[in-house]
Amino acid sequence: MSRIGIQLLCSVLMSVGLFGCGRSPQTTFYTLSPLVVEATAIRPAAPTLAVASVTLPELVDRPQLVVPDKGATVVILETHRWAEPLKAAIPRLLADNLSRLTGAEQVAAWPQHAAHNADYRLLVDLQRFEVVGNSVVVDALWQLRSTKDGTTPLSGRAKITESLAAAGYEAIIDGYNRALAALSREIAQPLRSLAPRR
């Protein structure tokens, strides 16, 4: 190999080495936040409730945030991630919100111990949980099932759109928080009609 060839090879190897020693991109982790509202007066005899399951579209059921790109494409953001699986975070968030909104003391997310002997189980199927343009969209089917006889006294569907207040990923998380708060309110309203425990 000529001297020029050797010098070129050395330059390439040094460049690769320097690039490899560069700092990796920092990963940012996000959490969902419960509804900020003055808690409703406690109802000691309120039925006990377990948020038993929340299903999500496979596209967003992953650690990374997913945002739309051009046309029908999306971007899976490797350096912007949920701090915990959404299937664990969302049930706990809904349980917290519903307890605050209904005044029921015993609202728990499965598989917490308090959820095992609940009077009712809440099942939520998130048909959509995504960013669309400058908004967050949540489309949820939900049903309340009696653990005593298997009946479904309450069910519904909530289609929620929350505009993003600003650009950036923090605004997306805020949009999801507001959408889940709105979903919690829609579920909480009919829950208050349930007869108290005897």
N, C-alpha and C. Protein backbone atom coordinates (compact mmCIF):
# COMPACT_ATOMS: atom_id res chain seq x y z
N MET A 1 0.85 -1.20 0.00
CA MET A 1 0.00 0.00 0.00
C MET A 1 0.88 1.24 0.00
N SER A 2 0.54 2.23 -0.79
CA SER A 2 1.32 3.46 -0.88
C SER A 2 1.22 4.26 0.42
N ARG A 3 2.17 5.21 0.57
CA ARG A 3 2.16 6.04 1.77
C ARG A 3 0.85 6.83 1.87
N ILE A 4 0.36 7.33 0.73
CA ILE A 4 -0.90 8.09 0.74
C ILE A 4 -2.06 7.19 1.18
N GLY A 5 -2.06 5.95 0.69
CA GLY A 5 -3.11 5.01 1.07
C GLY A 5 -3.09 4.72 2.55
N ILE A 6 -1.87 4.54 3.10
CA ILE A 6 -1.75 4.27 4.53
C ILE A 6 -2.23 5.47 5.34
N GLN A 7 -1.85 6.67 4.91
CA GLN A 7 -2.28 7.88 5.63
C GLN A 7 -3.81 8.04 5.60
N LEU A 8 -4.41 7.73 4.45
CA LEU A 8 -5.86 7.83 4.32
C LEU A 8 -6.56 6.83 5.23
N LEU A 9 -6.03 5.60 5.26
CA LEU A 9 -6.60 4.57 6.12
C LEU A 9 -6.50 4.97 7.59
N CYS A 10 -5.35 5.51 7.97
CA CYS A 10 -5.17 5.94 9.36
C CYS A 10 -6.14 7.07 9.72
N SER A 11 -6.35 7.97 8.77
CA SER A 11 -7.29 9.08 9.01
C SER A 11 -8.70 8.57 9.23
N VAL A 12 -9.12 7.60 8.40
CA VAL A 12 -10.46 7.02 8.54
C VAL A 12 -10.60 6.32 9.87
N LEU A 13 -9.58 5.53 10.25
CA LEU A 13 -9.66 4.79 11.52
C LEU A 13 -9.71 5.75 12.70
N MET A 14 -8.95 6.83 12.64
CA MET A 14 -8.98 7.81 13.72
C MET A 14 -10.34 8.49 13.81
N SER A 15 -10.92 8.78 12.65
CA SER A 15 -12.25 9.41 12.64
C SER A 15 -13.29 8.49 13.24
N VAL A 16 -13.23 7.21 12.87
CA VAL A 16 -14.17 6.24 13.42
C VAL A 16 -14.00 6.12 14.91
N GLY A 17 -12.73 6.10 15.36
CA GLY A 17 -12.47 5.99 16.79
C GLY A 17 -13.00 7.18 17.56
N LEU A 18 -12.77 8.37 17.01
CA LEU A 18 -13.27 9.57 17.68
C LEU A 18 -14.78 9.61 17.71
N PHE A 19 -15.42 9.18 16.60
CA PHE A 19 -16.88 9.16 16.55
C PHE A 19 -17.44 8.17 17.56
N GLY A 20 -16.77 7.03 17.67
CA GLY A 20 -17.24 6.00 18.60
C GLY A 20 -17.13 6.44 20.04
N CYS A 21 -16.18 7.34 20.31
CA CYS A 21 -16.00 7.81 21.69
C CYS A 21 -16.93 8.96 22.03
N GLY A 22 -17.69 9.43 21.04
CA GLY A 22 -18.61 10.53 21.29
C GLY A 22 -19.70 10.13 22.27
N ARG A 23 -20.33 11.10 22.89
CA ARG A 23 -21.38 10.83 23.88
C ARG A 23 -22.65 10.35 23.18
N SER A 24 -23.28 9.35 23.78
CA SER A 24 -24.55 8.85 23.24
C SER A 24 -25.66 9.86 23.53
N PRO A 25 -26.67 9.92 22.68
CA PRO A 25 -27.79 10.83 22.94
C PRO A 25 -28.45 10.51 24.28
N GLN A 26 -28.79 11.53 25.03
CA GLN A 26 -29.42 11.33 26.33
C GLN A 26 -30.88 10.93 26.15
N THR A 27 -31.31 9.94 26.92
CA THR A 27 -32.70 9.47 26.85
C THR A 27 -33.54 10.19 27.90
N THR A 28 -34.70 10.68 27.50
CA THR A 28 -35.63 11.34 28.40
C THR A 28 -36.79 10.40 28.69
N PHE A 29 -37.15 10.27 29.97
CA PHE A 29 -38.24 9.38 30.38
C PHE A 29 -39.42 10.21 30.88
N TYR A 30 -40.63 9.77 30.53
CA TYR A 30 -41.84 10.52 30.85
C TYR A 30 -42.80 9.67 31.69
N THR A 31 -43.55 10.34 32.56
CA THR A 31 -44.57 9.68 33.36
C THR A 31 -45.91 10.39 33.16
N LEU A 32 -46.98 9.66 33.40
CA LEU A 32 -48.32 10.24 33.39
C LEU A 32 -48.64 10.78 34.77
N SER A 33 -49.42 11.85 34.82
CA SER A 33 -49.74 12.49 36.10
C SER A 33 -51.24 12.43 36.38
N PRO A 34 -51.62 12.18 37.65
CA PRO A 34 -53.05 12.12 37.99
C PRO A 34 -53.72 13.48 37.89
N LEU A 35 -55.02 13.44 37.89
CA LEU A 35 -55.86 14.63 37.80
C LEU A 35 -55.62 15.52 39.01
N VAL A 36 -55.42 16.80 38.77
CA VAL A 36 -55.25 17.76 39.86
C VAL A 36 -56.62 18.38 40.13
N VAL A 37 -57.27 17.91 41.16
CA VAL A 37 -58.60 18.38 41.50
C VAL A 37 -58.82 18.13 42.98
N GLU A 38 -59.61 18.99 43.59
CA GLU A 38 -59.94 18.78 45.00
C GLU A 38 -60.76 17.51 45.12
N ALA A 39 -60.31 16.62 45.97
CA ALA A 39 -60.97 15.32 46.10
C ALA A 39 -62.42 15.48 46.54
N THR A 40 -63.29 14.64 45.97
CA THR A 40 -64.70 14.62 46.35
C THR A 40 -64.81 14.07 47.77
N ALA A 41 -65.84 14.50 48.49
CA ALA A 41 -66.06 14.00 49.85
C ALA A 41 -66.09 12.48 49.86
N ILE A 42 -65.44 11.89 50.84
CA ILE A 42 -65.32 10.44 50.91
C ILE A 42 -66.69 9.79 51.12
N ARG A 43 -66.95 8.73 50.36
CA ARG A 43 -68.18 7.93 50.51
C ARG A 43 -67.77 6.58 51.08
N PRO A 44 -67.84 6.42 52.40
CA PRO A 44 -67.36 5.19 53.03
C PRO A 44 -68.04 3.93 52.50
N ALA A 45 -69.32 4.03 52.11
CA ALA A 45 -70.05 2.85 51.66
C ALA A 45 -70.02 2.67 50.15
N ALA A 46 -69.21 3.45 49.46
CA ALA A 46 -69.15 3.34 48.00
C ALA A 46 -68.65 1.96 47.59
N PRO A 47 -69.16 1.42 46.48
CA PRO A 47 -68.69 0.11 46.02
C PRO A 47 -67.19 0.13 45.76
N THR A 48 -66.54 -1.00 46.00
CA THR A 48 -65.11 -1.10 45.72
C THR A 48 -64.92 -1.40 44.23
N LEU A 49 -63.85 -0.86 43.68
CA LEU A 49 -63.65 -0.93 42.24
C LEU A 49 -62.20 -1.31 41.93
N ALA A 50 -62.04 -2.20 40.96
CA ALA A 50 -60.72 -2.57 40.47
C ALA A 50 -60.62 -2.20 38.99
N VAL A 51 -59.62 -1.42 38.64
CA VAL A 51 -59.33 -1.19 37.22
C VAL A 51 -58.57 -2.42 36.76
N ALA A 52 -59.31 -3.36 36.17
CA ALA A 52 -58.78 -4.70 35.95
C ALA A 52 -57.84 -4.79 34.75
N SER A 53 -58.16 -4.10 33.68
CA SER A 53 -57.29 -4.19 32.51
C SER A 53 -57.49 -2.99 31.60
N VAL A 54 -56.41 -2.61 30.95
CA VAL A 54 -56.44 -1.57 29.92
C VAL A 54 -55.67 -2.11 28.72
N THR A 55 -56.34 -2.21 27.58
CA THR A 55 -55.67 -2.68 26.37
C THR A 55 -55.34 -1.48 25.48
N LEU A 56 -54.26 -1.63 24.72
CA LEU A 56 -53.75 -0.55 23.88
C LEU A 56 -53.47 -1.06 22.48
N PRO A 57 -53.52 -0.20 21.47
CA PRO A 57 -53.07 -0.61 20.14
C PRO A 57 -51.59 -1.01 20.20
N GLU A 58 -51.22 -2.04 19.46
CA GLU A 58 -49.84 -2.53 19.50
C GLU A 58 -48.84 -1.45 19.09
N LEU A 59 -49.24 -0.55 18.21
CA LEU A 59 -48.33 0.49 17.75
C LEU A 59 -47.77 1.32 18.89
N VAL A 60 -48.59 1.63 19.89
CA VAL A 60 -48.14 2.49 20.99
C VAL A 60 -47.83 1.71 22.26
N ASP A 61 -48.07 0.41 22.25
CA ASP A 61 -47.78 -0.42 23.42
C ASP A 61 -46.30 -0.79 23.42
N ARG A 62 -45.47 0.19 23.65
CA ARG A 62 -44.02 0.01 23.59
C ARG A 62 -43.38 1.08 24.47
N PRO A 63 -42.11 0.93 24.85
CA PRO A 63 -41.47 1.93 25.72
C PRO A 63 -41.29 3.29 25.07
N GLN A 64 -41.12 3.32 23.75
CA GLN A 64 -40.83 4.58 23.08
C GLN A 64 -42.11 5.38 22.79
N LEU A 65 -41.97 6.70 22.79
CA LEU A 65 -43.06 7.55 22.30
C LEU A 65 -43.17 7.38 20.78
N VAL A 66 -44.40 7.43 20.29
CA VAL A 66 -44.65 7.30 18.86
C VAL A 66 -45.36 8.57 18.39
N VAL A 67 -44.81 9.21 17.38
CA VAL A 67 -45.40 10.45 16.86
C VAL A 67 -45.56 10.34 15.35
N PRO A 68 -46.51 11.08 14.79
CA PRO A 68 -46.73 11.00 13.34
C PRO A 68 -45.62 11.68 12.56
N ASP A 69 -45.39 11.18 11.37
CA ASP A 69 -44.45 11.80 10.43
C ASP A 69 -45.23 12.17 9.18
N LYS A 70 -44.60 12.29 8.07
CA LYS A 70 -45.27 12.66 6.83
C LYS A 70 -46.15 11.52 6.32
N GLY A 71 -47.31 11.88 5.81
CA GLY A 71 -48.20 10.88 5.22
C GLY A 71 -48.66 9.85 6.24
N ALA A 72 -48.50 8.59 5.87
CA ALA A 72 -48.96 7.50 6.74
C ALA A 72 -47.84 6.92 7.59
N THR A 73 -46.72 7.62 7.70
CA THR A 73 -45.59 7.10 8.47
C THR A 73 -45.56 7.68 9.88
N VAL A 74 -44.89 6.95 10.77
CA VAL A 74 -44.72 7.40 12.15
C VAL A 74 -43.25 7.31 12.52
N VAL A 75 -42.89 7.98 13.60
CA VAL A 75 -41.53 7.92 14.12
C VAL A 75 -41.58 7.31 15.51
N ILE A 76 -40.78 6.28 15.74
CA ILE A 76 -40.64 5.67 17.06
C ILE A 76 -39.39 6.27 17.69
N LEU A 77 -39.58 7.05 18.73
CA LEU A 77 -38.51 7.87 19.30
C LEU A 77 -37.70 7.08 20.33
N GLU A 78 -36.50 6.68 19.95
CA GLU A 78 -35.67 5.86 20.82
C GLU A 78 -35.20 6.61 22.06
N THR A 79 -35.03 7.92 21.96
CA THR A 79 -34.50 8.69 23.10
C THR A 79 -35.59 9.41 23.89
N HIS A 80 -36.85 9.13 23.60
CA HIS A 80 -37.98 9.68 24.37
C HIS A 80 -38.89 8.51 24.72
N ARG A 81 -38.87 8.12 25.99
CA ARG A 81 -39.52 6.87 26.40
C ARG A 81 -40.42 7.07 27.62
N TRP A 82 -41.38 6.15 27.75
CA TRP A 82 -42.19 6.09 28.96
C TRP A 82 -41.34 5.48 30.08
N ALA A 83 -41.50 6.01 31.29
CA ALA A 83 -40.72 5.52 32.42
C ALA A 83 -41.17 4.13 32.86
N GLU A 84 -42.39 3.75 32.52
CA GLU A 84 -42.90 2.42 32.83
C GLU A 84 -43.89 2.03 31.74
N PRO A 85 -44.21 0.74 31.62
CA PRO A 85 -45.16 0.32 30.58
C PRO A 85 -46.51 1.02 30.74
N LEU A 86 -47.09 1.44 29.64
CA LEU A 86 -48.39 2.11 29.68
C LEU A 86 -49.47 1.21 30.26
N LYS A 87 -49.36 -0.11 30.06
CA LYS A 87 -50.36 -1.03 30.59
C LYS A 87 -50.35 -1.07 32.11
N ALA A 88 -49.28 -0.60 32.72
CA ALA A 88 -49.23 -0.48 34.18
C ALA A 88 -49.56 0.94 34.62
N ALA A 89 -49.09 1.92 33.87
CA ALA A 89 -49.27 3.32 34.26
C ALA A 89 -50.71 3.79 34.12
N ILE A 90 -51.37 3.44 33.02
CA ILE A 90 -52.72 3.95 32.77
C ILE A 90 -53.74 3.39 33.77
N PRO A 91 -53.77 2.08 34.08
CA PRO A 91 -54.73 1.61 35.09
C PRO A 91 -54.55 2.29 36.44
N ARG A 92 -53.29 2.48 36.86
CA ARG A 92 -53.06 3.13 38.14
C ARG A 92 -53.52 4.59 38.11
N LEU A 93 -53.28 5.26 36.99
CA LEU A 93 -53.73 6.64 36.84
C LEU A 93 -55.25 6.73 36.88
N LEU A 94 -55.93 5.84 36.17
CA LEU A 94 -57.40 5.85 36.17
C LEU A 94 -57.94 5.57 37.57
N ALA A 95 -57.32 4.63 38.28
CA ALA A 95 -57.76 4.33 39.64
C ALA A 95 -57.63 5.55 40.54
N ASP A 96 -56.52 6.24 40.43
CA ASP A 96 -56.29 7.45 41.24
C ASP A 96 -57.32 8.52 40.88
N ASN A 97 -57.51 8.76 39.60
CA ASN A 97 -58.46 9.78 39.16
C ASN A 97 -59.89 9.46 39.61
N LEU A 98 -60.30 8.20 39.44
CA LEU A 98 -61.67 7.82 39.79
C LEU A 98 -61.92 7.92 41.29
N SER A 99 -60.91 7.61 42.08
CA SER A 99 -61.05 7.76 43.53
C SER A 99 -61.26 9.23 43.89
N ARG A 100 -60.49 10.11 43.27
CA ARG A 100 -60.62 11.55 43.55
C ARG A 100 -61.98 12.09 43.09
N LEU A 101 -62.47 11.59 41.96
CA LEU A 101 -63.70 12.14 41.37
C LEU A 101 -64.97 11.59 42.01
N THR A 102 -64.93 10.37 42.52
CA THR A 102 -66.14 9.75 43.06
C THR A 102 -66.20 9.73 44.58
N GLY A 103 -65.06 9.95 45.22
CA GLY A 103 -65.03 9.88 46.67
C GLY A 103 -64.94 8.46 47.20
N ALA A 104 -64.79 7.49 46.31
CA ALA A 104 -64.65 6.09 46.74
C ALA A 104 -63.22 5.86 47.23
N GLU A 105 -63.11 5.33 48.44
CA GLU A 105 -61.79 5.11 49.02
C GLU A 105 -61.08 3.91 48.41
N GLN A 106 -61.84 2.88 48.07
CA GLN A 106 -61.24 1.63 47.63
C GLN A 106 -61.36 1.48 46.11
N VAL A 107 -60.48 2.17 45.41
CA VAL A 107 -60.34 2.03 43.96
C VAL A 107 -58.88 1.66 43.72
N ALA A 108 -58.65 0.51 43.15
CA ALA A 108 -57.28 0.02 42.98
C ALA A 108 -57.08 -0.50 41.57
N ALA A 109 -55.83 -0.53 41.16
CA ALA A 109 -55.47 -1.08 39.85
C ALA A 109 -54.97 -2.50 40.03
N TRP A 110 -55.44 -3.39 39.19
CA TRP A 110 -54.98 -4.77 39.20
C TRP A 110 -53.48 -4.78 38.88
N PRO A 111 -52.63 -5.59 39.57
CA PRO A 111 -52.99 -6.66 40.50
C PRO A 111 -52.79 -6.29 41.96
N GLN A 112 -52.97 -5.04 42.35
CA GLN A 112 -52.83 -4.67 43.75
C GLN A 112 -53.79 -5.50 44.60
N HIS A 113 -53.39 -5.76 45.83
CA HIS A 113 -54.16 -6.66 46.70
C HIS A 113 -55.60 -6.20 46.86
N ALA A 114 -55.81 -4.88 46.99
CA ALA A 114 -57.16 -4.36 47.21
C ALA A 114 -58.09 -4.64 46.03
N ALA A 115 -57.52 -4.92 44.86
CA ALA A 115 -58.34 -5.15 43.67
C ALA A 115 -58.94 -6.54 43.62
N HIS A 116 -58.40 -7.47 44.40
CA HIS A 116 -58.83 -8.86 44.29
C HIS A 116 -60.26 -9.09 44.78
N ASN A 117 -60.69 -8.34 45.78
CA ASN A 117 -62.03 -8.54 46.35
C ASN A 117 -62.99 -7.40 46.02
N ALA A 118 -62.76 -6.73 44.90
CA ALA A 118 -63.58 -5.58 44.53
C ALA A 118 -64.99 -6.00 44.13
N ASP A 119 -65.95 -5.08 44.32
CA ASP A 119 -67.33 -5.34 43.91
C ASP A 119 -67.48 -5.29 42.39
N TYR A 120 -66.69 -4.43 41.75
CA TYR A 120 -66.77 -4.27 40.29
C TYR A 120 -65.38 -4.22 39.69
N ARG A 121 -65.31 -4.65 38.44
CA ARG A 121 -64.06 -4.54 37.69
C ARG A 121 -64.30 -3.66 36.47
N LEU A 122 -63.40 -2.71 36.28
CA LEU A 122 -63.48 -1.81 35.13
C LEU A 122 -62.54 -2.30 34.04
N LEU A 123 -63.08 -2.51 32.85
CA LEU A 123 -62.29 -2.94 31.69
C LEU A 123 -62.28 -1.80 30.68
N VAL A 124 -61.11 -1.42 30.22
CA VAL A 124 -60.97 -0.31 29.28
C VAL A 124 -60.19 -0.77 28.06
N ASP A 125 -60.76 -0.53 26.89
CA ASP A 125 -60.10 -0.86 25.63
C ASP A 125 -59.82 0.46 24.89
N LEU A 126 -58.57 0.86 24.87
CA LEU A 126 -58.19 2.08 24.17
C LEU A 126 -58.04 1.78 22.69
N GLN A 127 -59.06 2.16 21.92
CA GLN A 127 -59.02 1.95 20.48
C GLN A 127 -57.97 2.85 19.82
N ARG A 128 -57.83 4.05 20.35
CA ARG A 128 -56.83 4.99 19.85
C ARG A 128 -56.17 5.69 21.04
N PHE A 129 -54.87 5.85 20.94
CA PHE A 129 -54.09 6.56 21.96
C PHE A 129 -52.90 7.13 21.20
N GLU A 130 -53.11 8.29 20.57
CA GLU A 130 -52.12 8.73 19.58
C GLU A 130 -52.13 10.24 19.38
N VAL A 131 -51.08 10.70 18.75
CA VAL A 131 -50.97 12.09 18.34
C VAL A 131 -51.43 12.20 16.90
N VAL A 132 -52.35 13.13 16.65
CA VAL A 132 -52.85 13.37 15.30
C VAL A 132 -52.72 14.87 15.03
N GLY A 133 -51.82 15.23 14.14
CA GLY A 133 -51.61 16.65 13.87
C GLY A 133 -51.14 17.36 15.13
N ASN A 134 -51.89 18.37 15.55
CA ASN A 134 -51.55 19.13 16.76
C ASN A 134 -52.45 18.76 17.93
N SER A 135 -52.91 17.52 17.95
CA SER A 135 -53.81 17.07 19.02
C SER A 135 -53.44 15.66 19.48
N VAL A 136 -53.91 15.35 20.67
CA VAL A 136 -53.86 13.99 21.20
C VAL A 136 -55.27 13.42 21.11
N VAL A 137 -55.39 12.21 20.61
CA VAL A 137 -56.70 11.56 20.45
C VAL A 137 -56.73 10.29 21.30
N VAL A 138 -57.77 10.18 22.12
CA VAL A 138 -58.02 8.96 22.90
C VAL A 138 -59.45 8.52 22.63
N ASP A 139 -59.59 7.30 22.17
CA ASP A 139 -60.90 6.71 21.88
C ASP A 139 -61.00 5.43 22.71
N ALA A 140 -61.90 5.41 23.69
CA ALA A 140 -61.93 4.32 24.65
C ALA A 140 -63.32 3.70 24.78
N LEU A 141 -63.36 2.38 24.73
CA LEU A 141 -64.55 1.61 25.10
C LEU A 141 -64.34 1.13 26.53
N TRP A 142 -65.37 1.25 27.38
CA TRP A 142 -65.20 0.80 28.75
C TRP A 142 -66.47 0.11 29.24
N GLN A 143 -66.29 -0.79 30.17
CA GLN A 143 -67.44 -1.45 30.79
C GLN A 143 -67.12 -1.81 32.23
N LEU A 144 -68.15 -1.74 33.03
CA LEU A 144 -68.04 -2.08 34.45
C LEU A 144 -68.73 -3.42 34.64
N ARG A 145 -68.00 -4.38 35.20
CA ARG A 145 -68.52 -5.73 35.35
C ARG A 145 -68.61 -6.11 36.83
N SER A 146 -69.76 -6.63 37.23
CA SER A 146 -69.95 -7.06 38.61
C SER A 146 -69.17 -8.35 38.86
N THR A 147 -68.44 -8.39 39.96
CA THR A 147 -67.72 -9.62 40.31
C THR A 147 -68.65 -10.63 40.98
N LYS A 148 -69.83 -10.17 41.36
CA LYS A 148 -70.78 -11.06 42.03
C LYS A 148 -71.55 -11.93 41.04
N ASP A 149 -72.10 -11.31 39.99
CA ASP A 149 -72.93 -12.08 39.06
C ASP A 149 -72.51 -11.94 37.60
N GLY A 150 -71.43 -11.20 37.33
CA GLY A 150 -70.93 -11.07 35.97
C GLY A 150 -71.70 -10.12 35.07
N THR A 151 -72.69 -9.44 35.61
CA THR A 151 -73.47 -8.50 34.80
C THR A 151 -72.65 -7.23 34.53
N THR A 152 -73.10 -6.47 33.54
CA THR A 152 -72.43 -5.23 33.16
C THR A 152 -73.41 -4.08 33.33
N PRO A 153 -73.47 -3.49 34.53
CA PRO A 153 -74.45 -2.42 34.78
C PRO A 153 -74.14 -1.12 34.05
N LEU A 154 -72.87 -0.90 33.73
CA LEU A 154 -72.49 0.35 33.08
C LEU A 154 -71.48 0.08 31.97
N SER A 155 -71.60 0.83 30.89
CA SER A 155 -70.62 0.75 29.80
C SER A 155 -70.72 2.03 28.99
N GLY A 156 -69.72 2.29 28.19
CA GLY A 156 -69.76 3.50 27.38
C GLY A 156 -68.58 3.60 26.44
N ARG A 157 -68.59 4.66 25.68
CA ARG A 157 -67.48 4.95 24.77
C ARG A 157 -67.17 6.44 24.87
N ALA A 158 -65.89 6.75 24.99
CA ALA A 158 -65.45 8.14 25.08
C ALA A 158 -64.49 8.44 23.95
N LYS A 159 -64.81 9.47 23.17
CA LYS A 159 -63.92 9.93 22.09
C LYS A 159 -63.43 11.32 22.47
N ILE A 160 -62.15 11.42 22.75
CA ILE A 160 -61.61 12.65 23.32
C ILE A 160 -60.47 13.18 22.44
N THR A 161 -60.51 14.48 22.18
CA THR A 161 -59.43 15.14 21.45
C THR A 161 -58.96 16.34 22.27
N GLU A 162 -57.68 16.38 22.55
CA GLU A 162 -57.09 17.49 23.31
C GLU A 162 -56.03 18.16 22.45
N SER A 163 -56.20 19.46 22.21
CA SER A 163 -55.21 20.21 21.44
C SER A 163 -53.92 20.37 22.23
N LEU A 164 -52.80 20.29 21.53
CA LEU A 164 -51.51 20.48 22.18
C LEU A 164 -51.30 21.96 22.45
N ALA A 165 -50.90 22.27 23.68
CA ALA A 165 -50.75 23.67 24.08
C ALA A 165 -49.49 24.31 23.51
N ALA A 166 -48.53 23.48 23.11
CA ALA A 166 -47.26 24.01 22.59
C ALA A 166 -46.59 22.92 21.76
N ALA A 167 -45.44 23.24 21.21
CA ALA A 167 -44.66 22.24 20.49
C ALA A 167 -43.79 21.48 21.49
N GLY A 168 -43.34 20.30 21.11
CA GLY A 168 -42.43 19.55 21.96
C GLY A 168 -43.09 18.35 22.63
N TYR A 169 -42.25 17.49 23.17
CA TYR A 169 -42.73 16.24 23.74
C TYR A 169 -43.42 16.43 25.08
N GLU A 170 -43.00 17.42 25.87
CA GLU A 170 -43.69 17.70 27.14
C GLU A 170 -45.15 18.05 26.88
N ALA A 171 -45.41 18.77 25.80
CA ALA A 171 -46.79 19.14 25.45
C ALA A 171 -47.60 17.91 25.07
N ILE A 172 -46.96 16.94 24.45
CA ILE A 172 -47.66 15.69 24.10
C ILE A 172 -48.06 14.95 25.36
N ILE A 173 -47.15 14.86 26.32
CA ILE A 173 -47.46 14.18 27.59
C ILE A 173 -48.59 14.90 28.31
N ASP A 174 -48.54 16.23 28.32
CA ASP A 174 -49.62 17.01 28.93
C ASP A 174 -50.95 16.73 28.23
N GLY A 175 -50.92 16.60 26.91
CA GLY A 175 -52.14 16.28 26.17
C GLY A 175 -52.70 14.93 26.56
N TYR A 176 -51.83 13.94 26.72
CA TYR A 176 -52.28 12.62 27.16
C TYR A 176 -52.88 12.69 28.57
N ASN A 177 -52.24 13.45 29.46
CA ASN A 177 -52.77 13.59 30.82
C ASN A 177 -54.17 14.20 30.80
N ARG A 178 -54.37 15.24 29.99
CA ARG A 178 -55.68 15.89 29.92
C ARG A 178 -56.73 14.97 29.30
N ALA A 179 -56.32 14.19 28.30
CA ALA A 179 -57.26 13.27 27.66
C ALA A 179 -57.67 12.16 28.63
N LEU A 180 -56.72 11.63 29.39
CA LEU A 180 -57.06 10.59 30.37
C LEU A 180 -57.87 11.16 31.53
N ALA A 181 -57.66 12.42 31.86
CA ALA A 181 -58.49 13.07 32.88
C ALA A 181 -59.93 13.20 32.38
N ALA A 182 -60.10 13.56 31.11
CA ALA A 182 -61.44 13.66 30.53
C ALA A 182 -62.11 12.29 30.48
N LEU A 183 -61.35 11.26 30.14
CA LEU A 183 -61.90 9.90 30.16
C LEU A 183 -62.34 9.52 31.57
N SER A 184 -61.53 9.85 32.55
CA SER A 184 -61.87 9.55 33.95
C SER A 184 -63.18 10.23 34.35
N ARG A 185 -63.37 11.47 33.93
CA ARG A 185 -64.60 12.19 34.26
C ARG A 185 -65.82 11.53 33.63
N GLU A 186 -65.67 11.08 32.38
CA GLU A 186 -66.80 10.43 31.70
C GLU A 186 -67.18 9.12 32.38
N ILE A 187 -66.20 8.40 32.88
CA ILE A 187 -66.48 7.14 33.58
C ILE A 187 -67.03 7.42 34.97
N ALA A 188 -66.49 8.44 35.64
CA ALA A 188 -66.88 8.72 37.03
C ALA A 188 -68.33 9.14 37.16
N GLN A 189 -68.83 9.88 36.19
CA GLN A 189 -70.20 10.40 36.31
C GLN A 189 -71.23 9.29 36.52
N PRO A 190 -71.30 8.25 35.67
CA PRO A 190 -72.27 7.19 35.94
C PRO A 190 -71.90 6.31 37.12
N LEU A 191 -70.62 6.27 37.48
CA LEU A 191 -70.22 5.45 38.64
C LEU A 191 -70.90 5.93 39.92
N ARG A 192 -71.15 7.23 40.00
CA ARG A 192 -71.76 7.78 41.22
C ARG A 192 -73.18 7.25 41.43
N SER A 193 -73.79 6.71 40.38
CA SER A 193 -75.17 6.21 40.50
C SER A 193 -75.23 4.80 41.08
N LEU A 194 -74.09 4.14 41.22
CA LEU A 194 -74.10 2.79 41.76
C LEU A 194 -74.54 2.79 43.22
N ALA A 195 -75.34 1.81 43.56
CA ALA A 195 -75.83 1.70 44.94
C ALA A 195 -74.67 1.44 45.88
N PRO A 196 -74.70 2.04 47.07
CA PRO A 196 -73.63 1.80 48.04
C PRO A 196 -73.65 0.37 48.55
N ARG A 197 -72.49 -0.05 49.06
CA ARG A 197 -72.41 -1.39 49.65
C ARG A 197 -73.25 -1.45 50.92
N ARG A 198 -73.79 -2.63 51.18
CA ARG A 198 -74.57 -2.81 52.40
C ARG A 198 -73.77 -3.59 53.43
